[in-house]
Amino acid sequence: MKLKDTFITYTASGEHTMVATEGFSGIVRSNKTAAFIIEALKEPTTAEAIIDAMAAKYDAPREVIERDVAAVLEKLRSIGAIED
């Protein structure tokens, strides 16, 4: 899966933001967890690879990371931001 090219991300004043150039009309502001996932999706990847990368970087239980990744991916799919 990968973030669609029609979604542009940027960080300003410490806030990660994503906007679409077509389709979805809105702005997505992300916390650090969602921002990490979105940045990982700029290259083709899998949910498992994202979970592994987050587990290596953050001191959090794997179950929590898995749940967070699943929730963010579900939200991104609901707005059409991911190519599977």
N, C-alpha and C. Protein backbone atom coordinates (compact mmCIF):
# COMPACT_ATOMS: atom_id res chain seq x y z
N MET A 1 0.85 -1.18 0.00
CA MET A 1 0.00 0.00 0.00
C MET A 1 0.88 1.23 0.00
N LYS A 2 0.30 2.34 -0.42
CA LYS A 2 1.06 3.59 -0.56
C LYS A 2 0.09 4.77 -0.49
N LEU A 3 0.58 5.89 -0.01
CA LEU A 3 -0.20 7.13 0.00
C LEU A 3 -0.39 7.57 -1.45
N LYS A 4 -1.62 7.91 -1.82
CA LYS A 4 -1.87 8.36 -3.20
C LYS A 4 -1.12 9.66 -3.47
N ASP A 5 -0.69 9.81 -4.71
CA ASP A 5 0.05 11.00 -5.12
C ASP A 5 -0.79 12.27 -5.05
N THR A 6 -2.09 12.13 -4.97
CA THR A 6 -2.97 13.30 -4.90
C THR A 6 -3.04 13.90 -3.50
N PHE A 7 -2.33 13.29 -2.54
CA PHE A 7 -2.28 13.82 -1.18
C PHE A 7 -0.89 14.39 -0.92
N ILE A 8 -0.85 15.61 -0.46
CA ILE A 8 0.39 16.32 -0.19
C ILE A 8 0.50 16.53 1.32
N THR A 9 1.69 16.29 1.85
CA THR A 9 1.90 16.49 3.28
C THR A 9 2.93 17.59 3.50
N TYR A 10 2.79 18.23 4.64
CA TYR A 10 3.79 19.22 5.04
C TYR A 10 3.72 19.41 6.55
N THR A 11 4.80 19.90 7.11
CA THR A 11 4.87 20.18 8.54
C THR A 11 5.16 21.66 8.72
N ALA A 12 4.33 22.32 9.51
CA ALA A 12 4.53 23.74 9.81
C ALA A 12 4.24 23.96 11.29
N SER A 13 5.11 24.67 11.94
CA SER A 13 4.98 24.95 13.37
C SER A 13 4.78 23.67 14.17
N GLY A 14 5.47 22.61 13.75
CA GLY A 14 5.40 21.35 14.47
C GLY A 14 4.15 20.53 14.22
N GLU A 15 3.27 21.00 13.33
CA GLU A 15 2.03 20.29 13.06
C GLU A 15 2.09 19.66 11.67
N HIS A 16 1.82 18.36 11.62
CA HIS A 16 1.83 17.61 10.36
C HIS A 16 0.44 17.74 9.73
N THR A 17 0.40 18.16 8.47
CA THR A 17 -0.85 18.41 7.77
C THR A 17 -0.83 17.71 6.42
N MET A 18 -2.01 17.24 5.99
CA MET A 18 -2.14 16.59 4.70
C MET A 18 -3.35 17.17 3.99
N VAL A 19 -3.18 17.49 2.71
CA VAL A 19 -4.28 18.00 1.89
C VAL A 19 -4.33 17.21 0.59
N ALA A 20 -5.50 17.18 -0.01
CA ALA A 20 -5.67 16.46 -1.28
C ALA A 20 -5.77 17.46 -2.42
N THR A 21 -5.21 17.08 -3.57
CA THR A 21 -5.30 17.93 -4.74
C THR A 21 -6.53 17.60 -5.58
N GLU A 22 -7.17 16.47 -5.28
CA GLU A 22 -8.43 16.11 -5.94
C GLU A 22 -9.18 15.11 -5.07
N GLY A 23 -10.47 14.98 -5.30
CA GLY A 23 -11.27 14.03 -4.53
C GLY A 23 -11.65 14.56 -3.17
N PHE A 24 -10.99 14.10 -2.14
CA PHE A 24 -11.26 14.50 -0.76
C PHE A 24 -11.07 16.00 -0.61
N SER A 25 -12.07 16.65 -0.06
CA SER A 25 -11.94 18.10 0.16
C SER A 25 -11.88 18.36 1.66
N GLY A 26 -10.70 18.59 2.12
CA GLY A 26 -10.51 18.85 3.53
C GLY A 26 -9.03 18.84 3.86
N ILE A 27 -8.76 19.04 5.12
CA ILE A 27 -7.39 19.04 5.64
C ILE A 27 -7.32 18.00 6.73
N VAL A 28 -6.25 17.23 6.74
CA VAL A 28 -6.04 16.24 7.79
C VAL A 28 -4.86 16.71 8.63
N ARG A 29 -5.12 16.99 9.88
CA ARG A 29 -4.05 17.35 10.81
C ARG A 29 -3.74 16.09 11.62
N SER A 30 -2.47 15.79 11.78
CA SER A 30 -2.08 14.52 12.39
C SER A 30 -1.28 14.70 13.66
N ASN A 31 -1.50 13.75 14.61
CA ASN A 31 -0.62 13.69 15.77
C ASN A 31 0.66 12.98 15.34
N LYS A 32 1.61 12.79 16.24
CA LYS A 32 2.90 12.21 15.87
C LYS A 32 2.77 10.78 15.36
N THR A 33 1.85 10.01 15.94
CA THR A 33 1.65 8.63 15.50
C THR A 33 1.15 8.60 14.06
N ALA A 34 0.11 9.35 13.77
CA ALA A 34 -0.45 9.38 12.42
C ALA A 34 0.56 9.95 11.43
N ALA A 35 1.31 10.96 11.85
CA ALA A 35 2.32 11.55 10.97
C ALA A 35 3.39 10.51 10.60
N PHE A 36 3.82 9.72 11.56
CA PHE A 36 4.80 8.66 11.31
C PHE A 36 4.26 7.68 10.27
N ILE A 37 3.02 7.27 10.43
CA ILE A 37 2.39 6.32 9.51
C ILE A 37 2.25 6.92 8.12
N ILE A 38 1.78 8.15 8.04
CA ILE A 38 1.62 8.82 6.75
C ILE A 38 2.95 8.96 6.04
N GLU A 39 3.98 9.34 6.77
CA GLU A 39 5.31 9.47 6.16
C GLU A 39 5.81 8.12 5.65
N ALA A 40 5.54 7.05 6.40
CA ALA A 40 5.94 5.70 5.97
C ALA A 40 5.22 5.31 4.68
N LEU A 41 4.00 5.80 4.51
CA LEU A 41 3.19 5.46 3.34
C LEU A 41 3.63 6.20 2.08
N LYS A 42 4.61 7.06 2.16
CA LYS A 42 5.09 7.75 0.96
C LYS A 42 5.84 6.80 0.04
N GLU A 43 6.24 5.65 0.58
CA GLU A 43 6.87 4.58 -0.20
C GLU A 43 5.99 3.34 -0.04
N PRO A 44 5.97 2.46 -1.02
CA PRO A 44 5.18 1.24 -0.87
C PRO A 44 5.60 0.48 0.40
N THR A 45 4.63 0.04 1.18
CA THR A 45 4.91 -0.62 2.45
C THR A 45 3.74 -1.51 2.85
N THR A 46 3.86 -2.11 3.99
CA THR A 46 2.79 -2.93 4.55
C THR A 46 2.49 -2.46 5.97
N ALA A 47 1.34 -2.85 6.47
CA ALA A 47 1.00 -2.50 7.86
C ALA A 47 2.04 -3.10 8.80
N GLU A 48 2.44 -4.34 8.53
CA GLU A 48 3.43 -5.01 9.39
C GLU A 48 4.76 -4.25 9.40
N ALA A 49 5.20 -3.75 8.27
CA ALA A 49 6.45 -3.00 8.20
C ALA A 49 6.34 -1.69 8.99
N ILE A 50 5.20 -1.04 8.91
CA ILE A 50 4.99 0.19 9.68
C ILE A 50 5.00 -0.12 11.18
N ILE A 51 4.33 -1.19 11.57
CA ILE A 51 4.30 -1.60 12.98
C ILE A 51 5.72 -1.89 13.47
N ASP A 52 6.50 -2.63 12.68
CA ASP A 52 7.88 -2.94 13.05
C ASP A 52 8.71 -1.68 13.22
N ALA A 53 8.56 -0.73 12.31
CA ALA A 53 9.32 0.53 12.38
C ALA A 53 8.93 1.34 13.61
N MET A 54 7.64 1.37 13.91
CA MET A 54 7.19 2.11 15.10
C MET A 54 7.67 1.43 16.37
N ALA A 55 7.63 0.09 16.40
CA ALA A 55 8.08 -0.65 17.58
C ALA A 55 9.57 -0.42 17.83
N ALA A 56 10.34 -0.28 16.76
CA ALA A 56 11.77 -0.02 16.90
C ALA A 56 12.05 1.40 17.40
N LYS A 57 11.17 2.33 17.05
CA LYS A 57 11.39 3.74 17.40
C LYS A 57 10.77 4.13 18.75
N TYR A 58 9.60 3.58 19.05
CA TYR A 58 8.87 4.01 20.24
C TYR A 58 8.80 2.92 21.29
N ASP A 59 8.84 3.32 22.54
CA ASP A 59 8.73 2.41 23.66
C ASP A 59 7.25 2.29 24.02
N ALA A 60 6.57 1.42 23.28
CA ALA A 60 5.13 1.20 23.51
C ALA A 60 4.84 -0.28 23.28
N PRO A 61 3.82 -0.81 23.95
CA PRO A 61 3.47 -2.21 23.72
C PRO A 61 3.06 -2.44 22.26
N ARG A 62 3.49 -3.55 21.70
CA ARG A 62 3.21 -3.86 20.30
C ARG A 62 1.70 -3.86 20.03
N GLU A 63 0.91 -4.33 20.96
CA GLU A 63 -0.54 -4.38 20.79
C GLU A 63 -1.12 -2.98 20.60
N VAL A 64 -0.58 -2.01 21.32
CA VAL A 64 -1.04 -0.62 21.20
C VAL A 64 -0.65 -0.08 19.83
N ILE A 65 0.57 -0.36 19.41
CA ILE A 65 1.03 0.10 18.10
C ILE A 65 0.17 -0.51 17.01
N GLU A 66 -0.10 -1.81 17.09
CA GLU A 66 -0.93 -2.48 16.08
C GLU A 66 -2.31 -1.84 16.00
N ARG A 67 -2.89 -1.56 17.14
CA ARG A 67 -4.23 -0.94 17.19
C ARG A 67 -4.20 0.47 16.59
N ASP A 68 -3.17 1.24 16.93
CA ASP A 68 -3.05 2.60 16.40
C ASP A 68 -2.85 2.60 14.89
N VAL A 69 -1.99 1.72 14.40
CA VAL A 69 -1.74 1.64 12.96
C VAL A 69 -3.02 1.24 12.23
N ALA A 70 -3.73 0.26 12.75
CA ALA A 70 -4.98 -0.18 12.11
C ALA A 70 -6.00 0.96 12.06
N ALA A 71 -6.10 1.72 13.14
CA ALA A 71 -7.07 2.83 13.18
C ALA A 71 -6.72 3.92 12.19
N VAL A 72 -5.43 4.28 12.10
CA VAL A 72 -5.02 5.33 11.17
C VAL A 72 -5.20 4.86 9.73
N LEU A 73 -4.82 3.63 9.44
CA LEU A 73 -4.99 3.10 8.08
C LEU A 73 -6.46 3.06 7.68
N GLU A 74 -7.33 2.68 8.62
CA GLU A 74 -8.76 2.67 8.33
C GLU A 74 -9.27 4.07 8.01
N LYS A 75 -8.83 5.05 8.76
CA LYS A 75 -9.25 6.43 8.52
C LYS A 75 -8.73 6.92 7.17
N LEU A 76 -7.48 6.62 6.85
CA LEU A 76 -6.91 7.05 5.57
C LEU A 76 -7.63 6.37 4.40
N ARG A 77 -7.99 5.11 4.57
CA ARG A 77 -8.76 4.43 3.52
C ARG A 77 -10.13 5.07 3.35
N SER A 78 -10.75 5.49 4.45
CA SER A 78 -12.09 6.06 4.37
C SER A 78 -12.13 7.38 3.60
N ILE A 79 -10.99 8.06 3.52
CA ILE A 79 -10.95 9.32 2.75
C ILE A 79 -10.28 9.10 1.39
N GLY A 80 -9.96 7.85 1.07
CA GLY A 80 -9.38 7.55 -0.23
C GLY A 80 -7.93 7.94 -0.39
N ALA A 81 -7.18 7.93 0.71
CA ALA A 81 -5.79 8.40 0.67
C ALA A 81 -4.78 7.29 0.37
N ILE A 82 -5.21 6.03 0.39
CA ILE A 82 -4.27 4.92 0.23
C ILE A 82 -4.57 4.12 -1.03
N GLU A 83 -3.49 3.79 -1.74
CA GLU A 83 -3.57 2.84 -2.86
C GLU A 83 -3.17 1.49 -2.29
N ASP A 84 -4.01 0.48 -2.46
CA ASP A 84 -3.65 -0.86 -1.96
C ASP A 84 -2.96 -1.68 -3.00
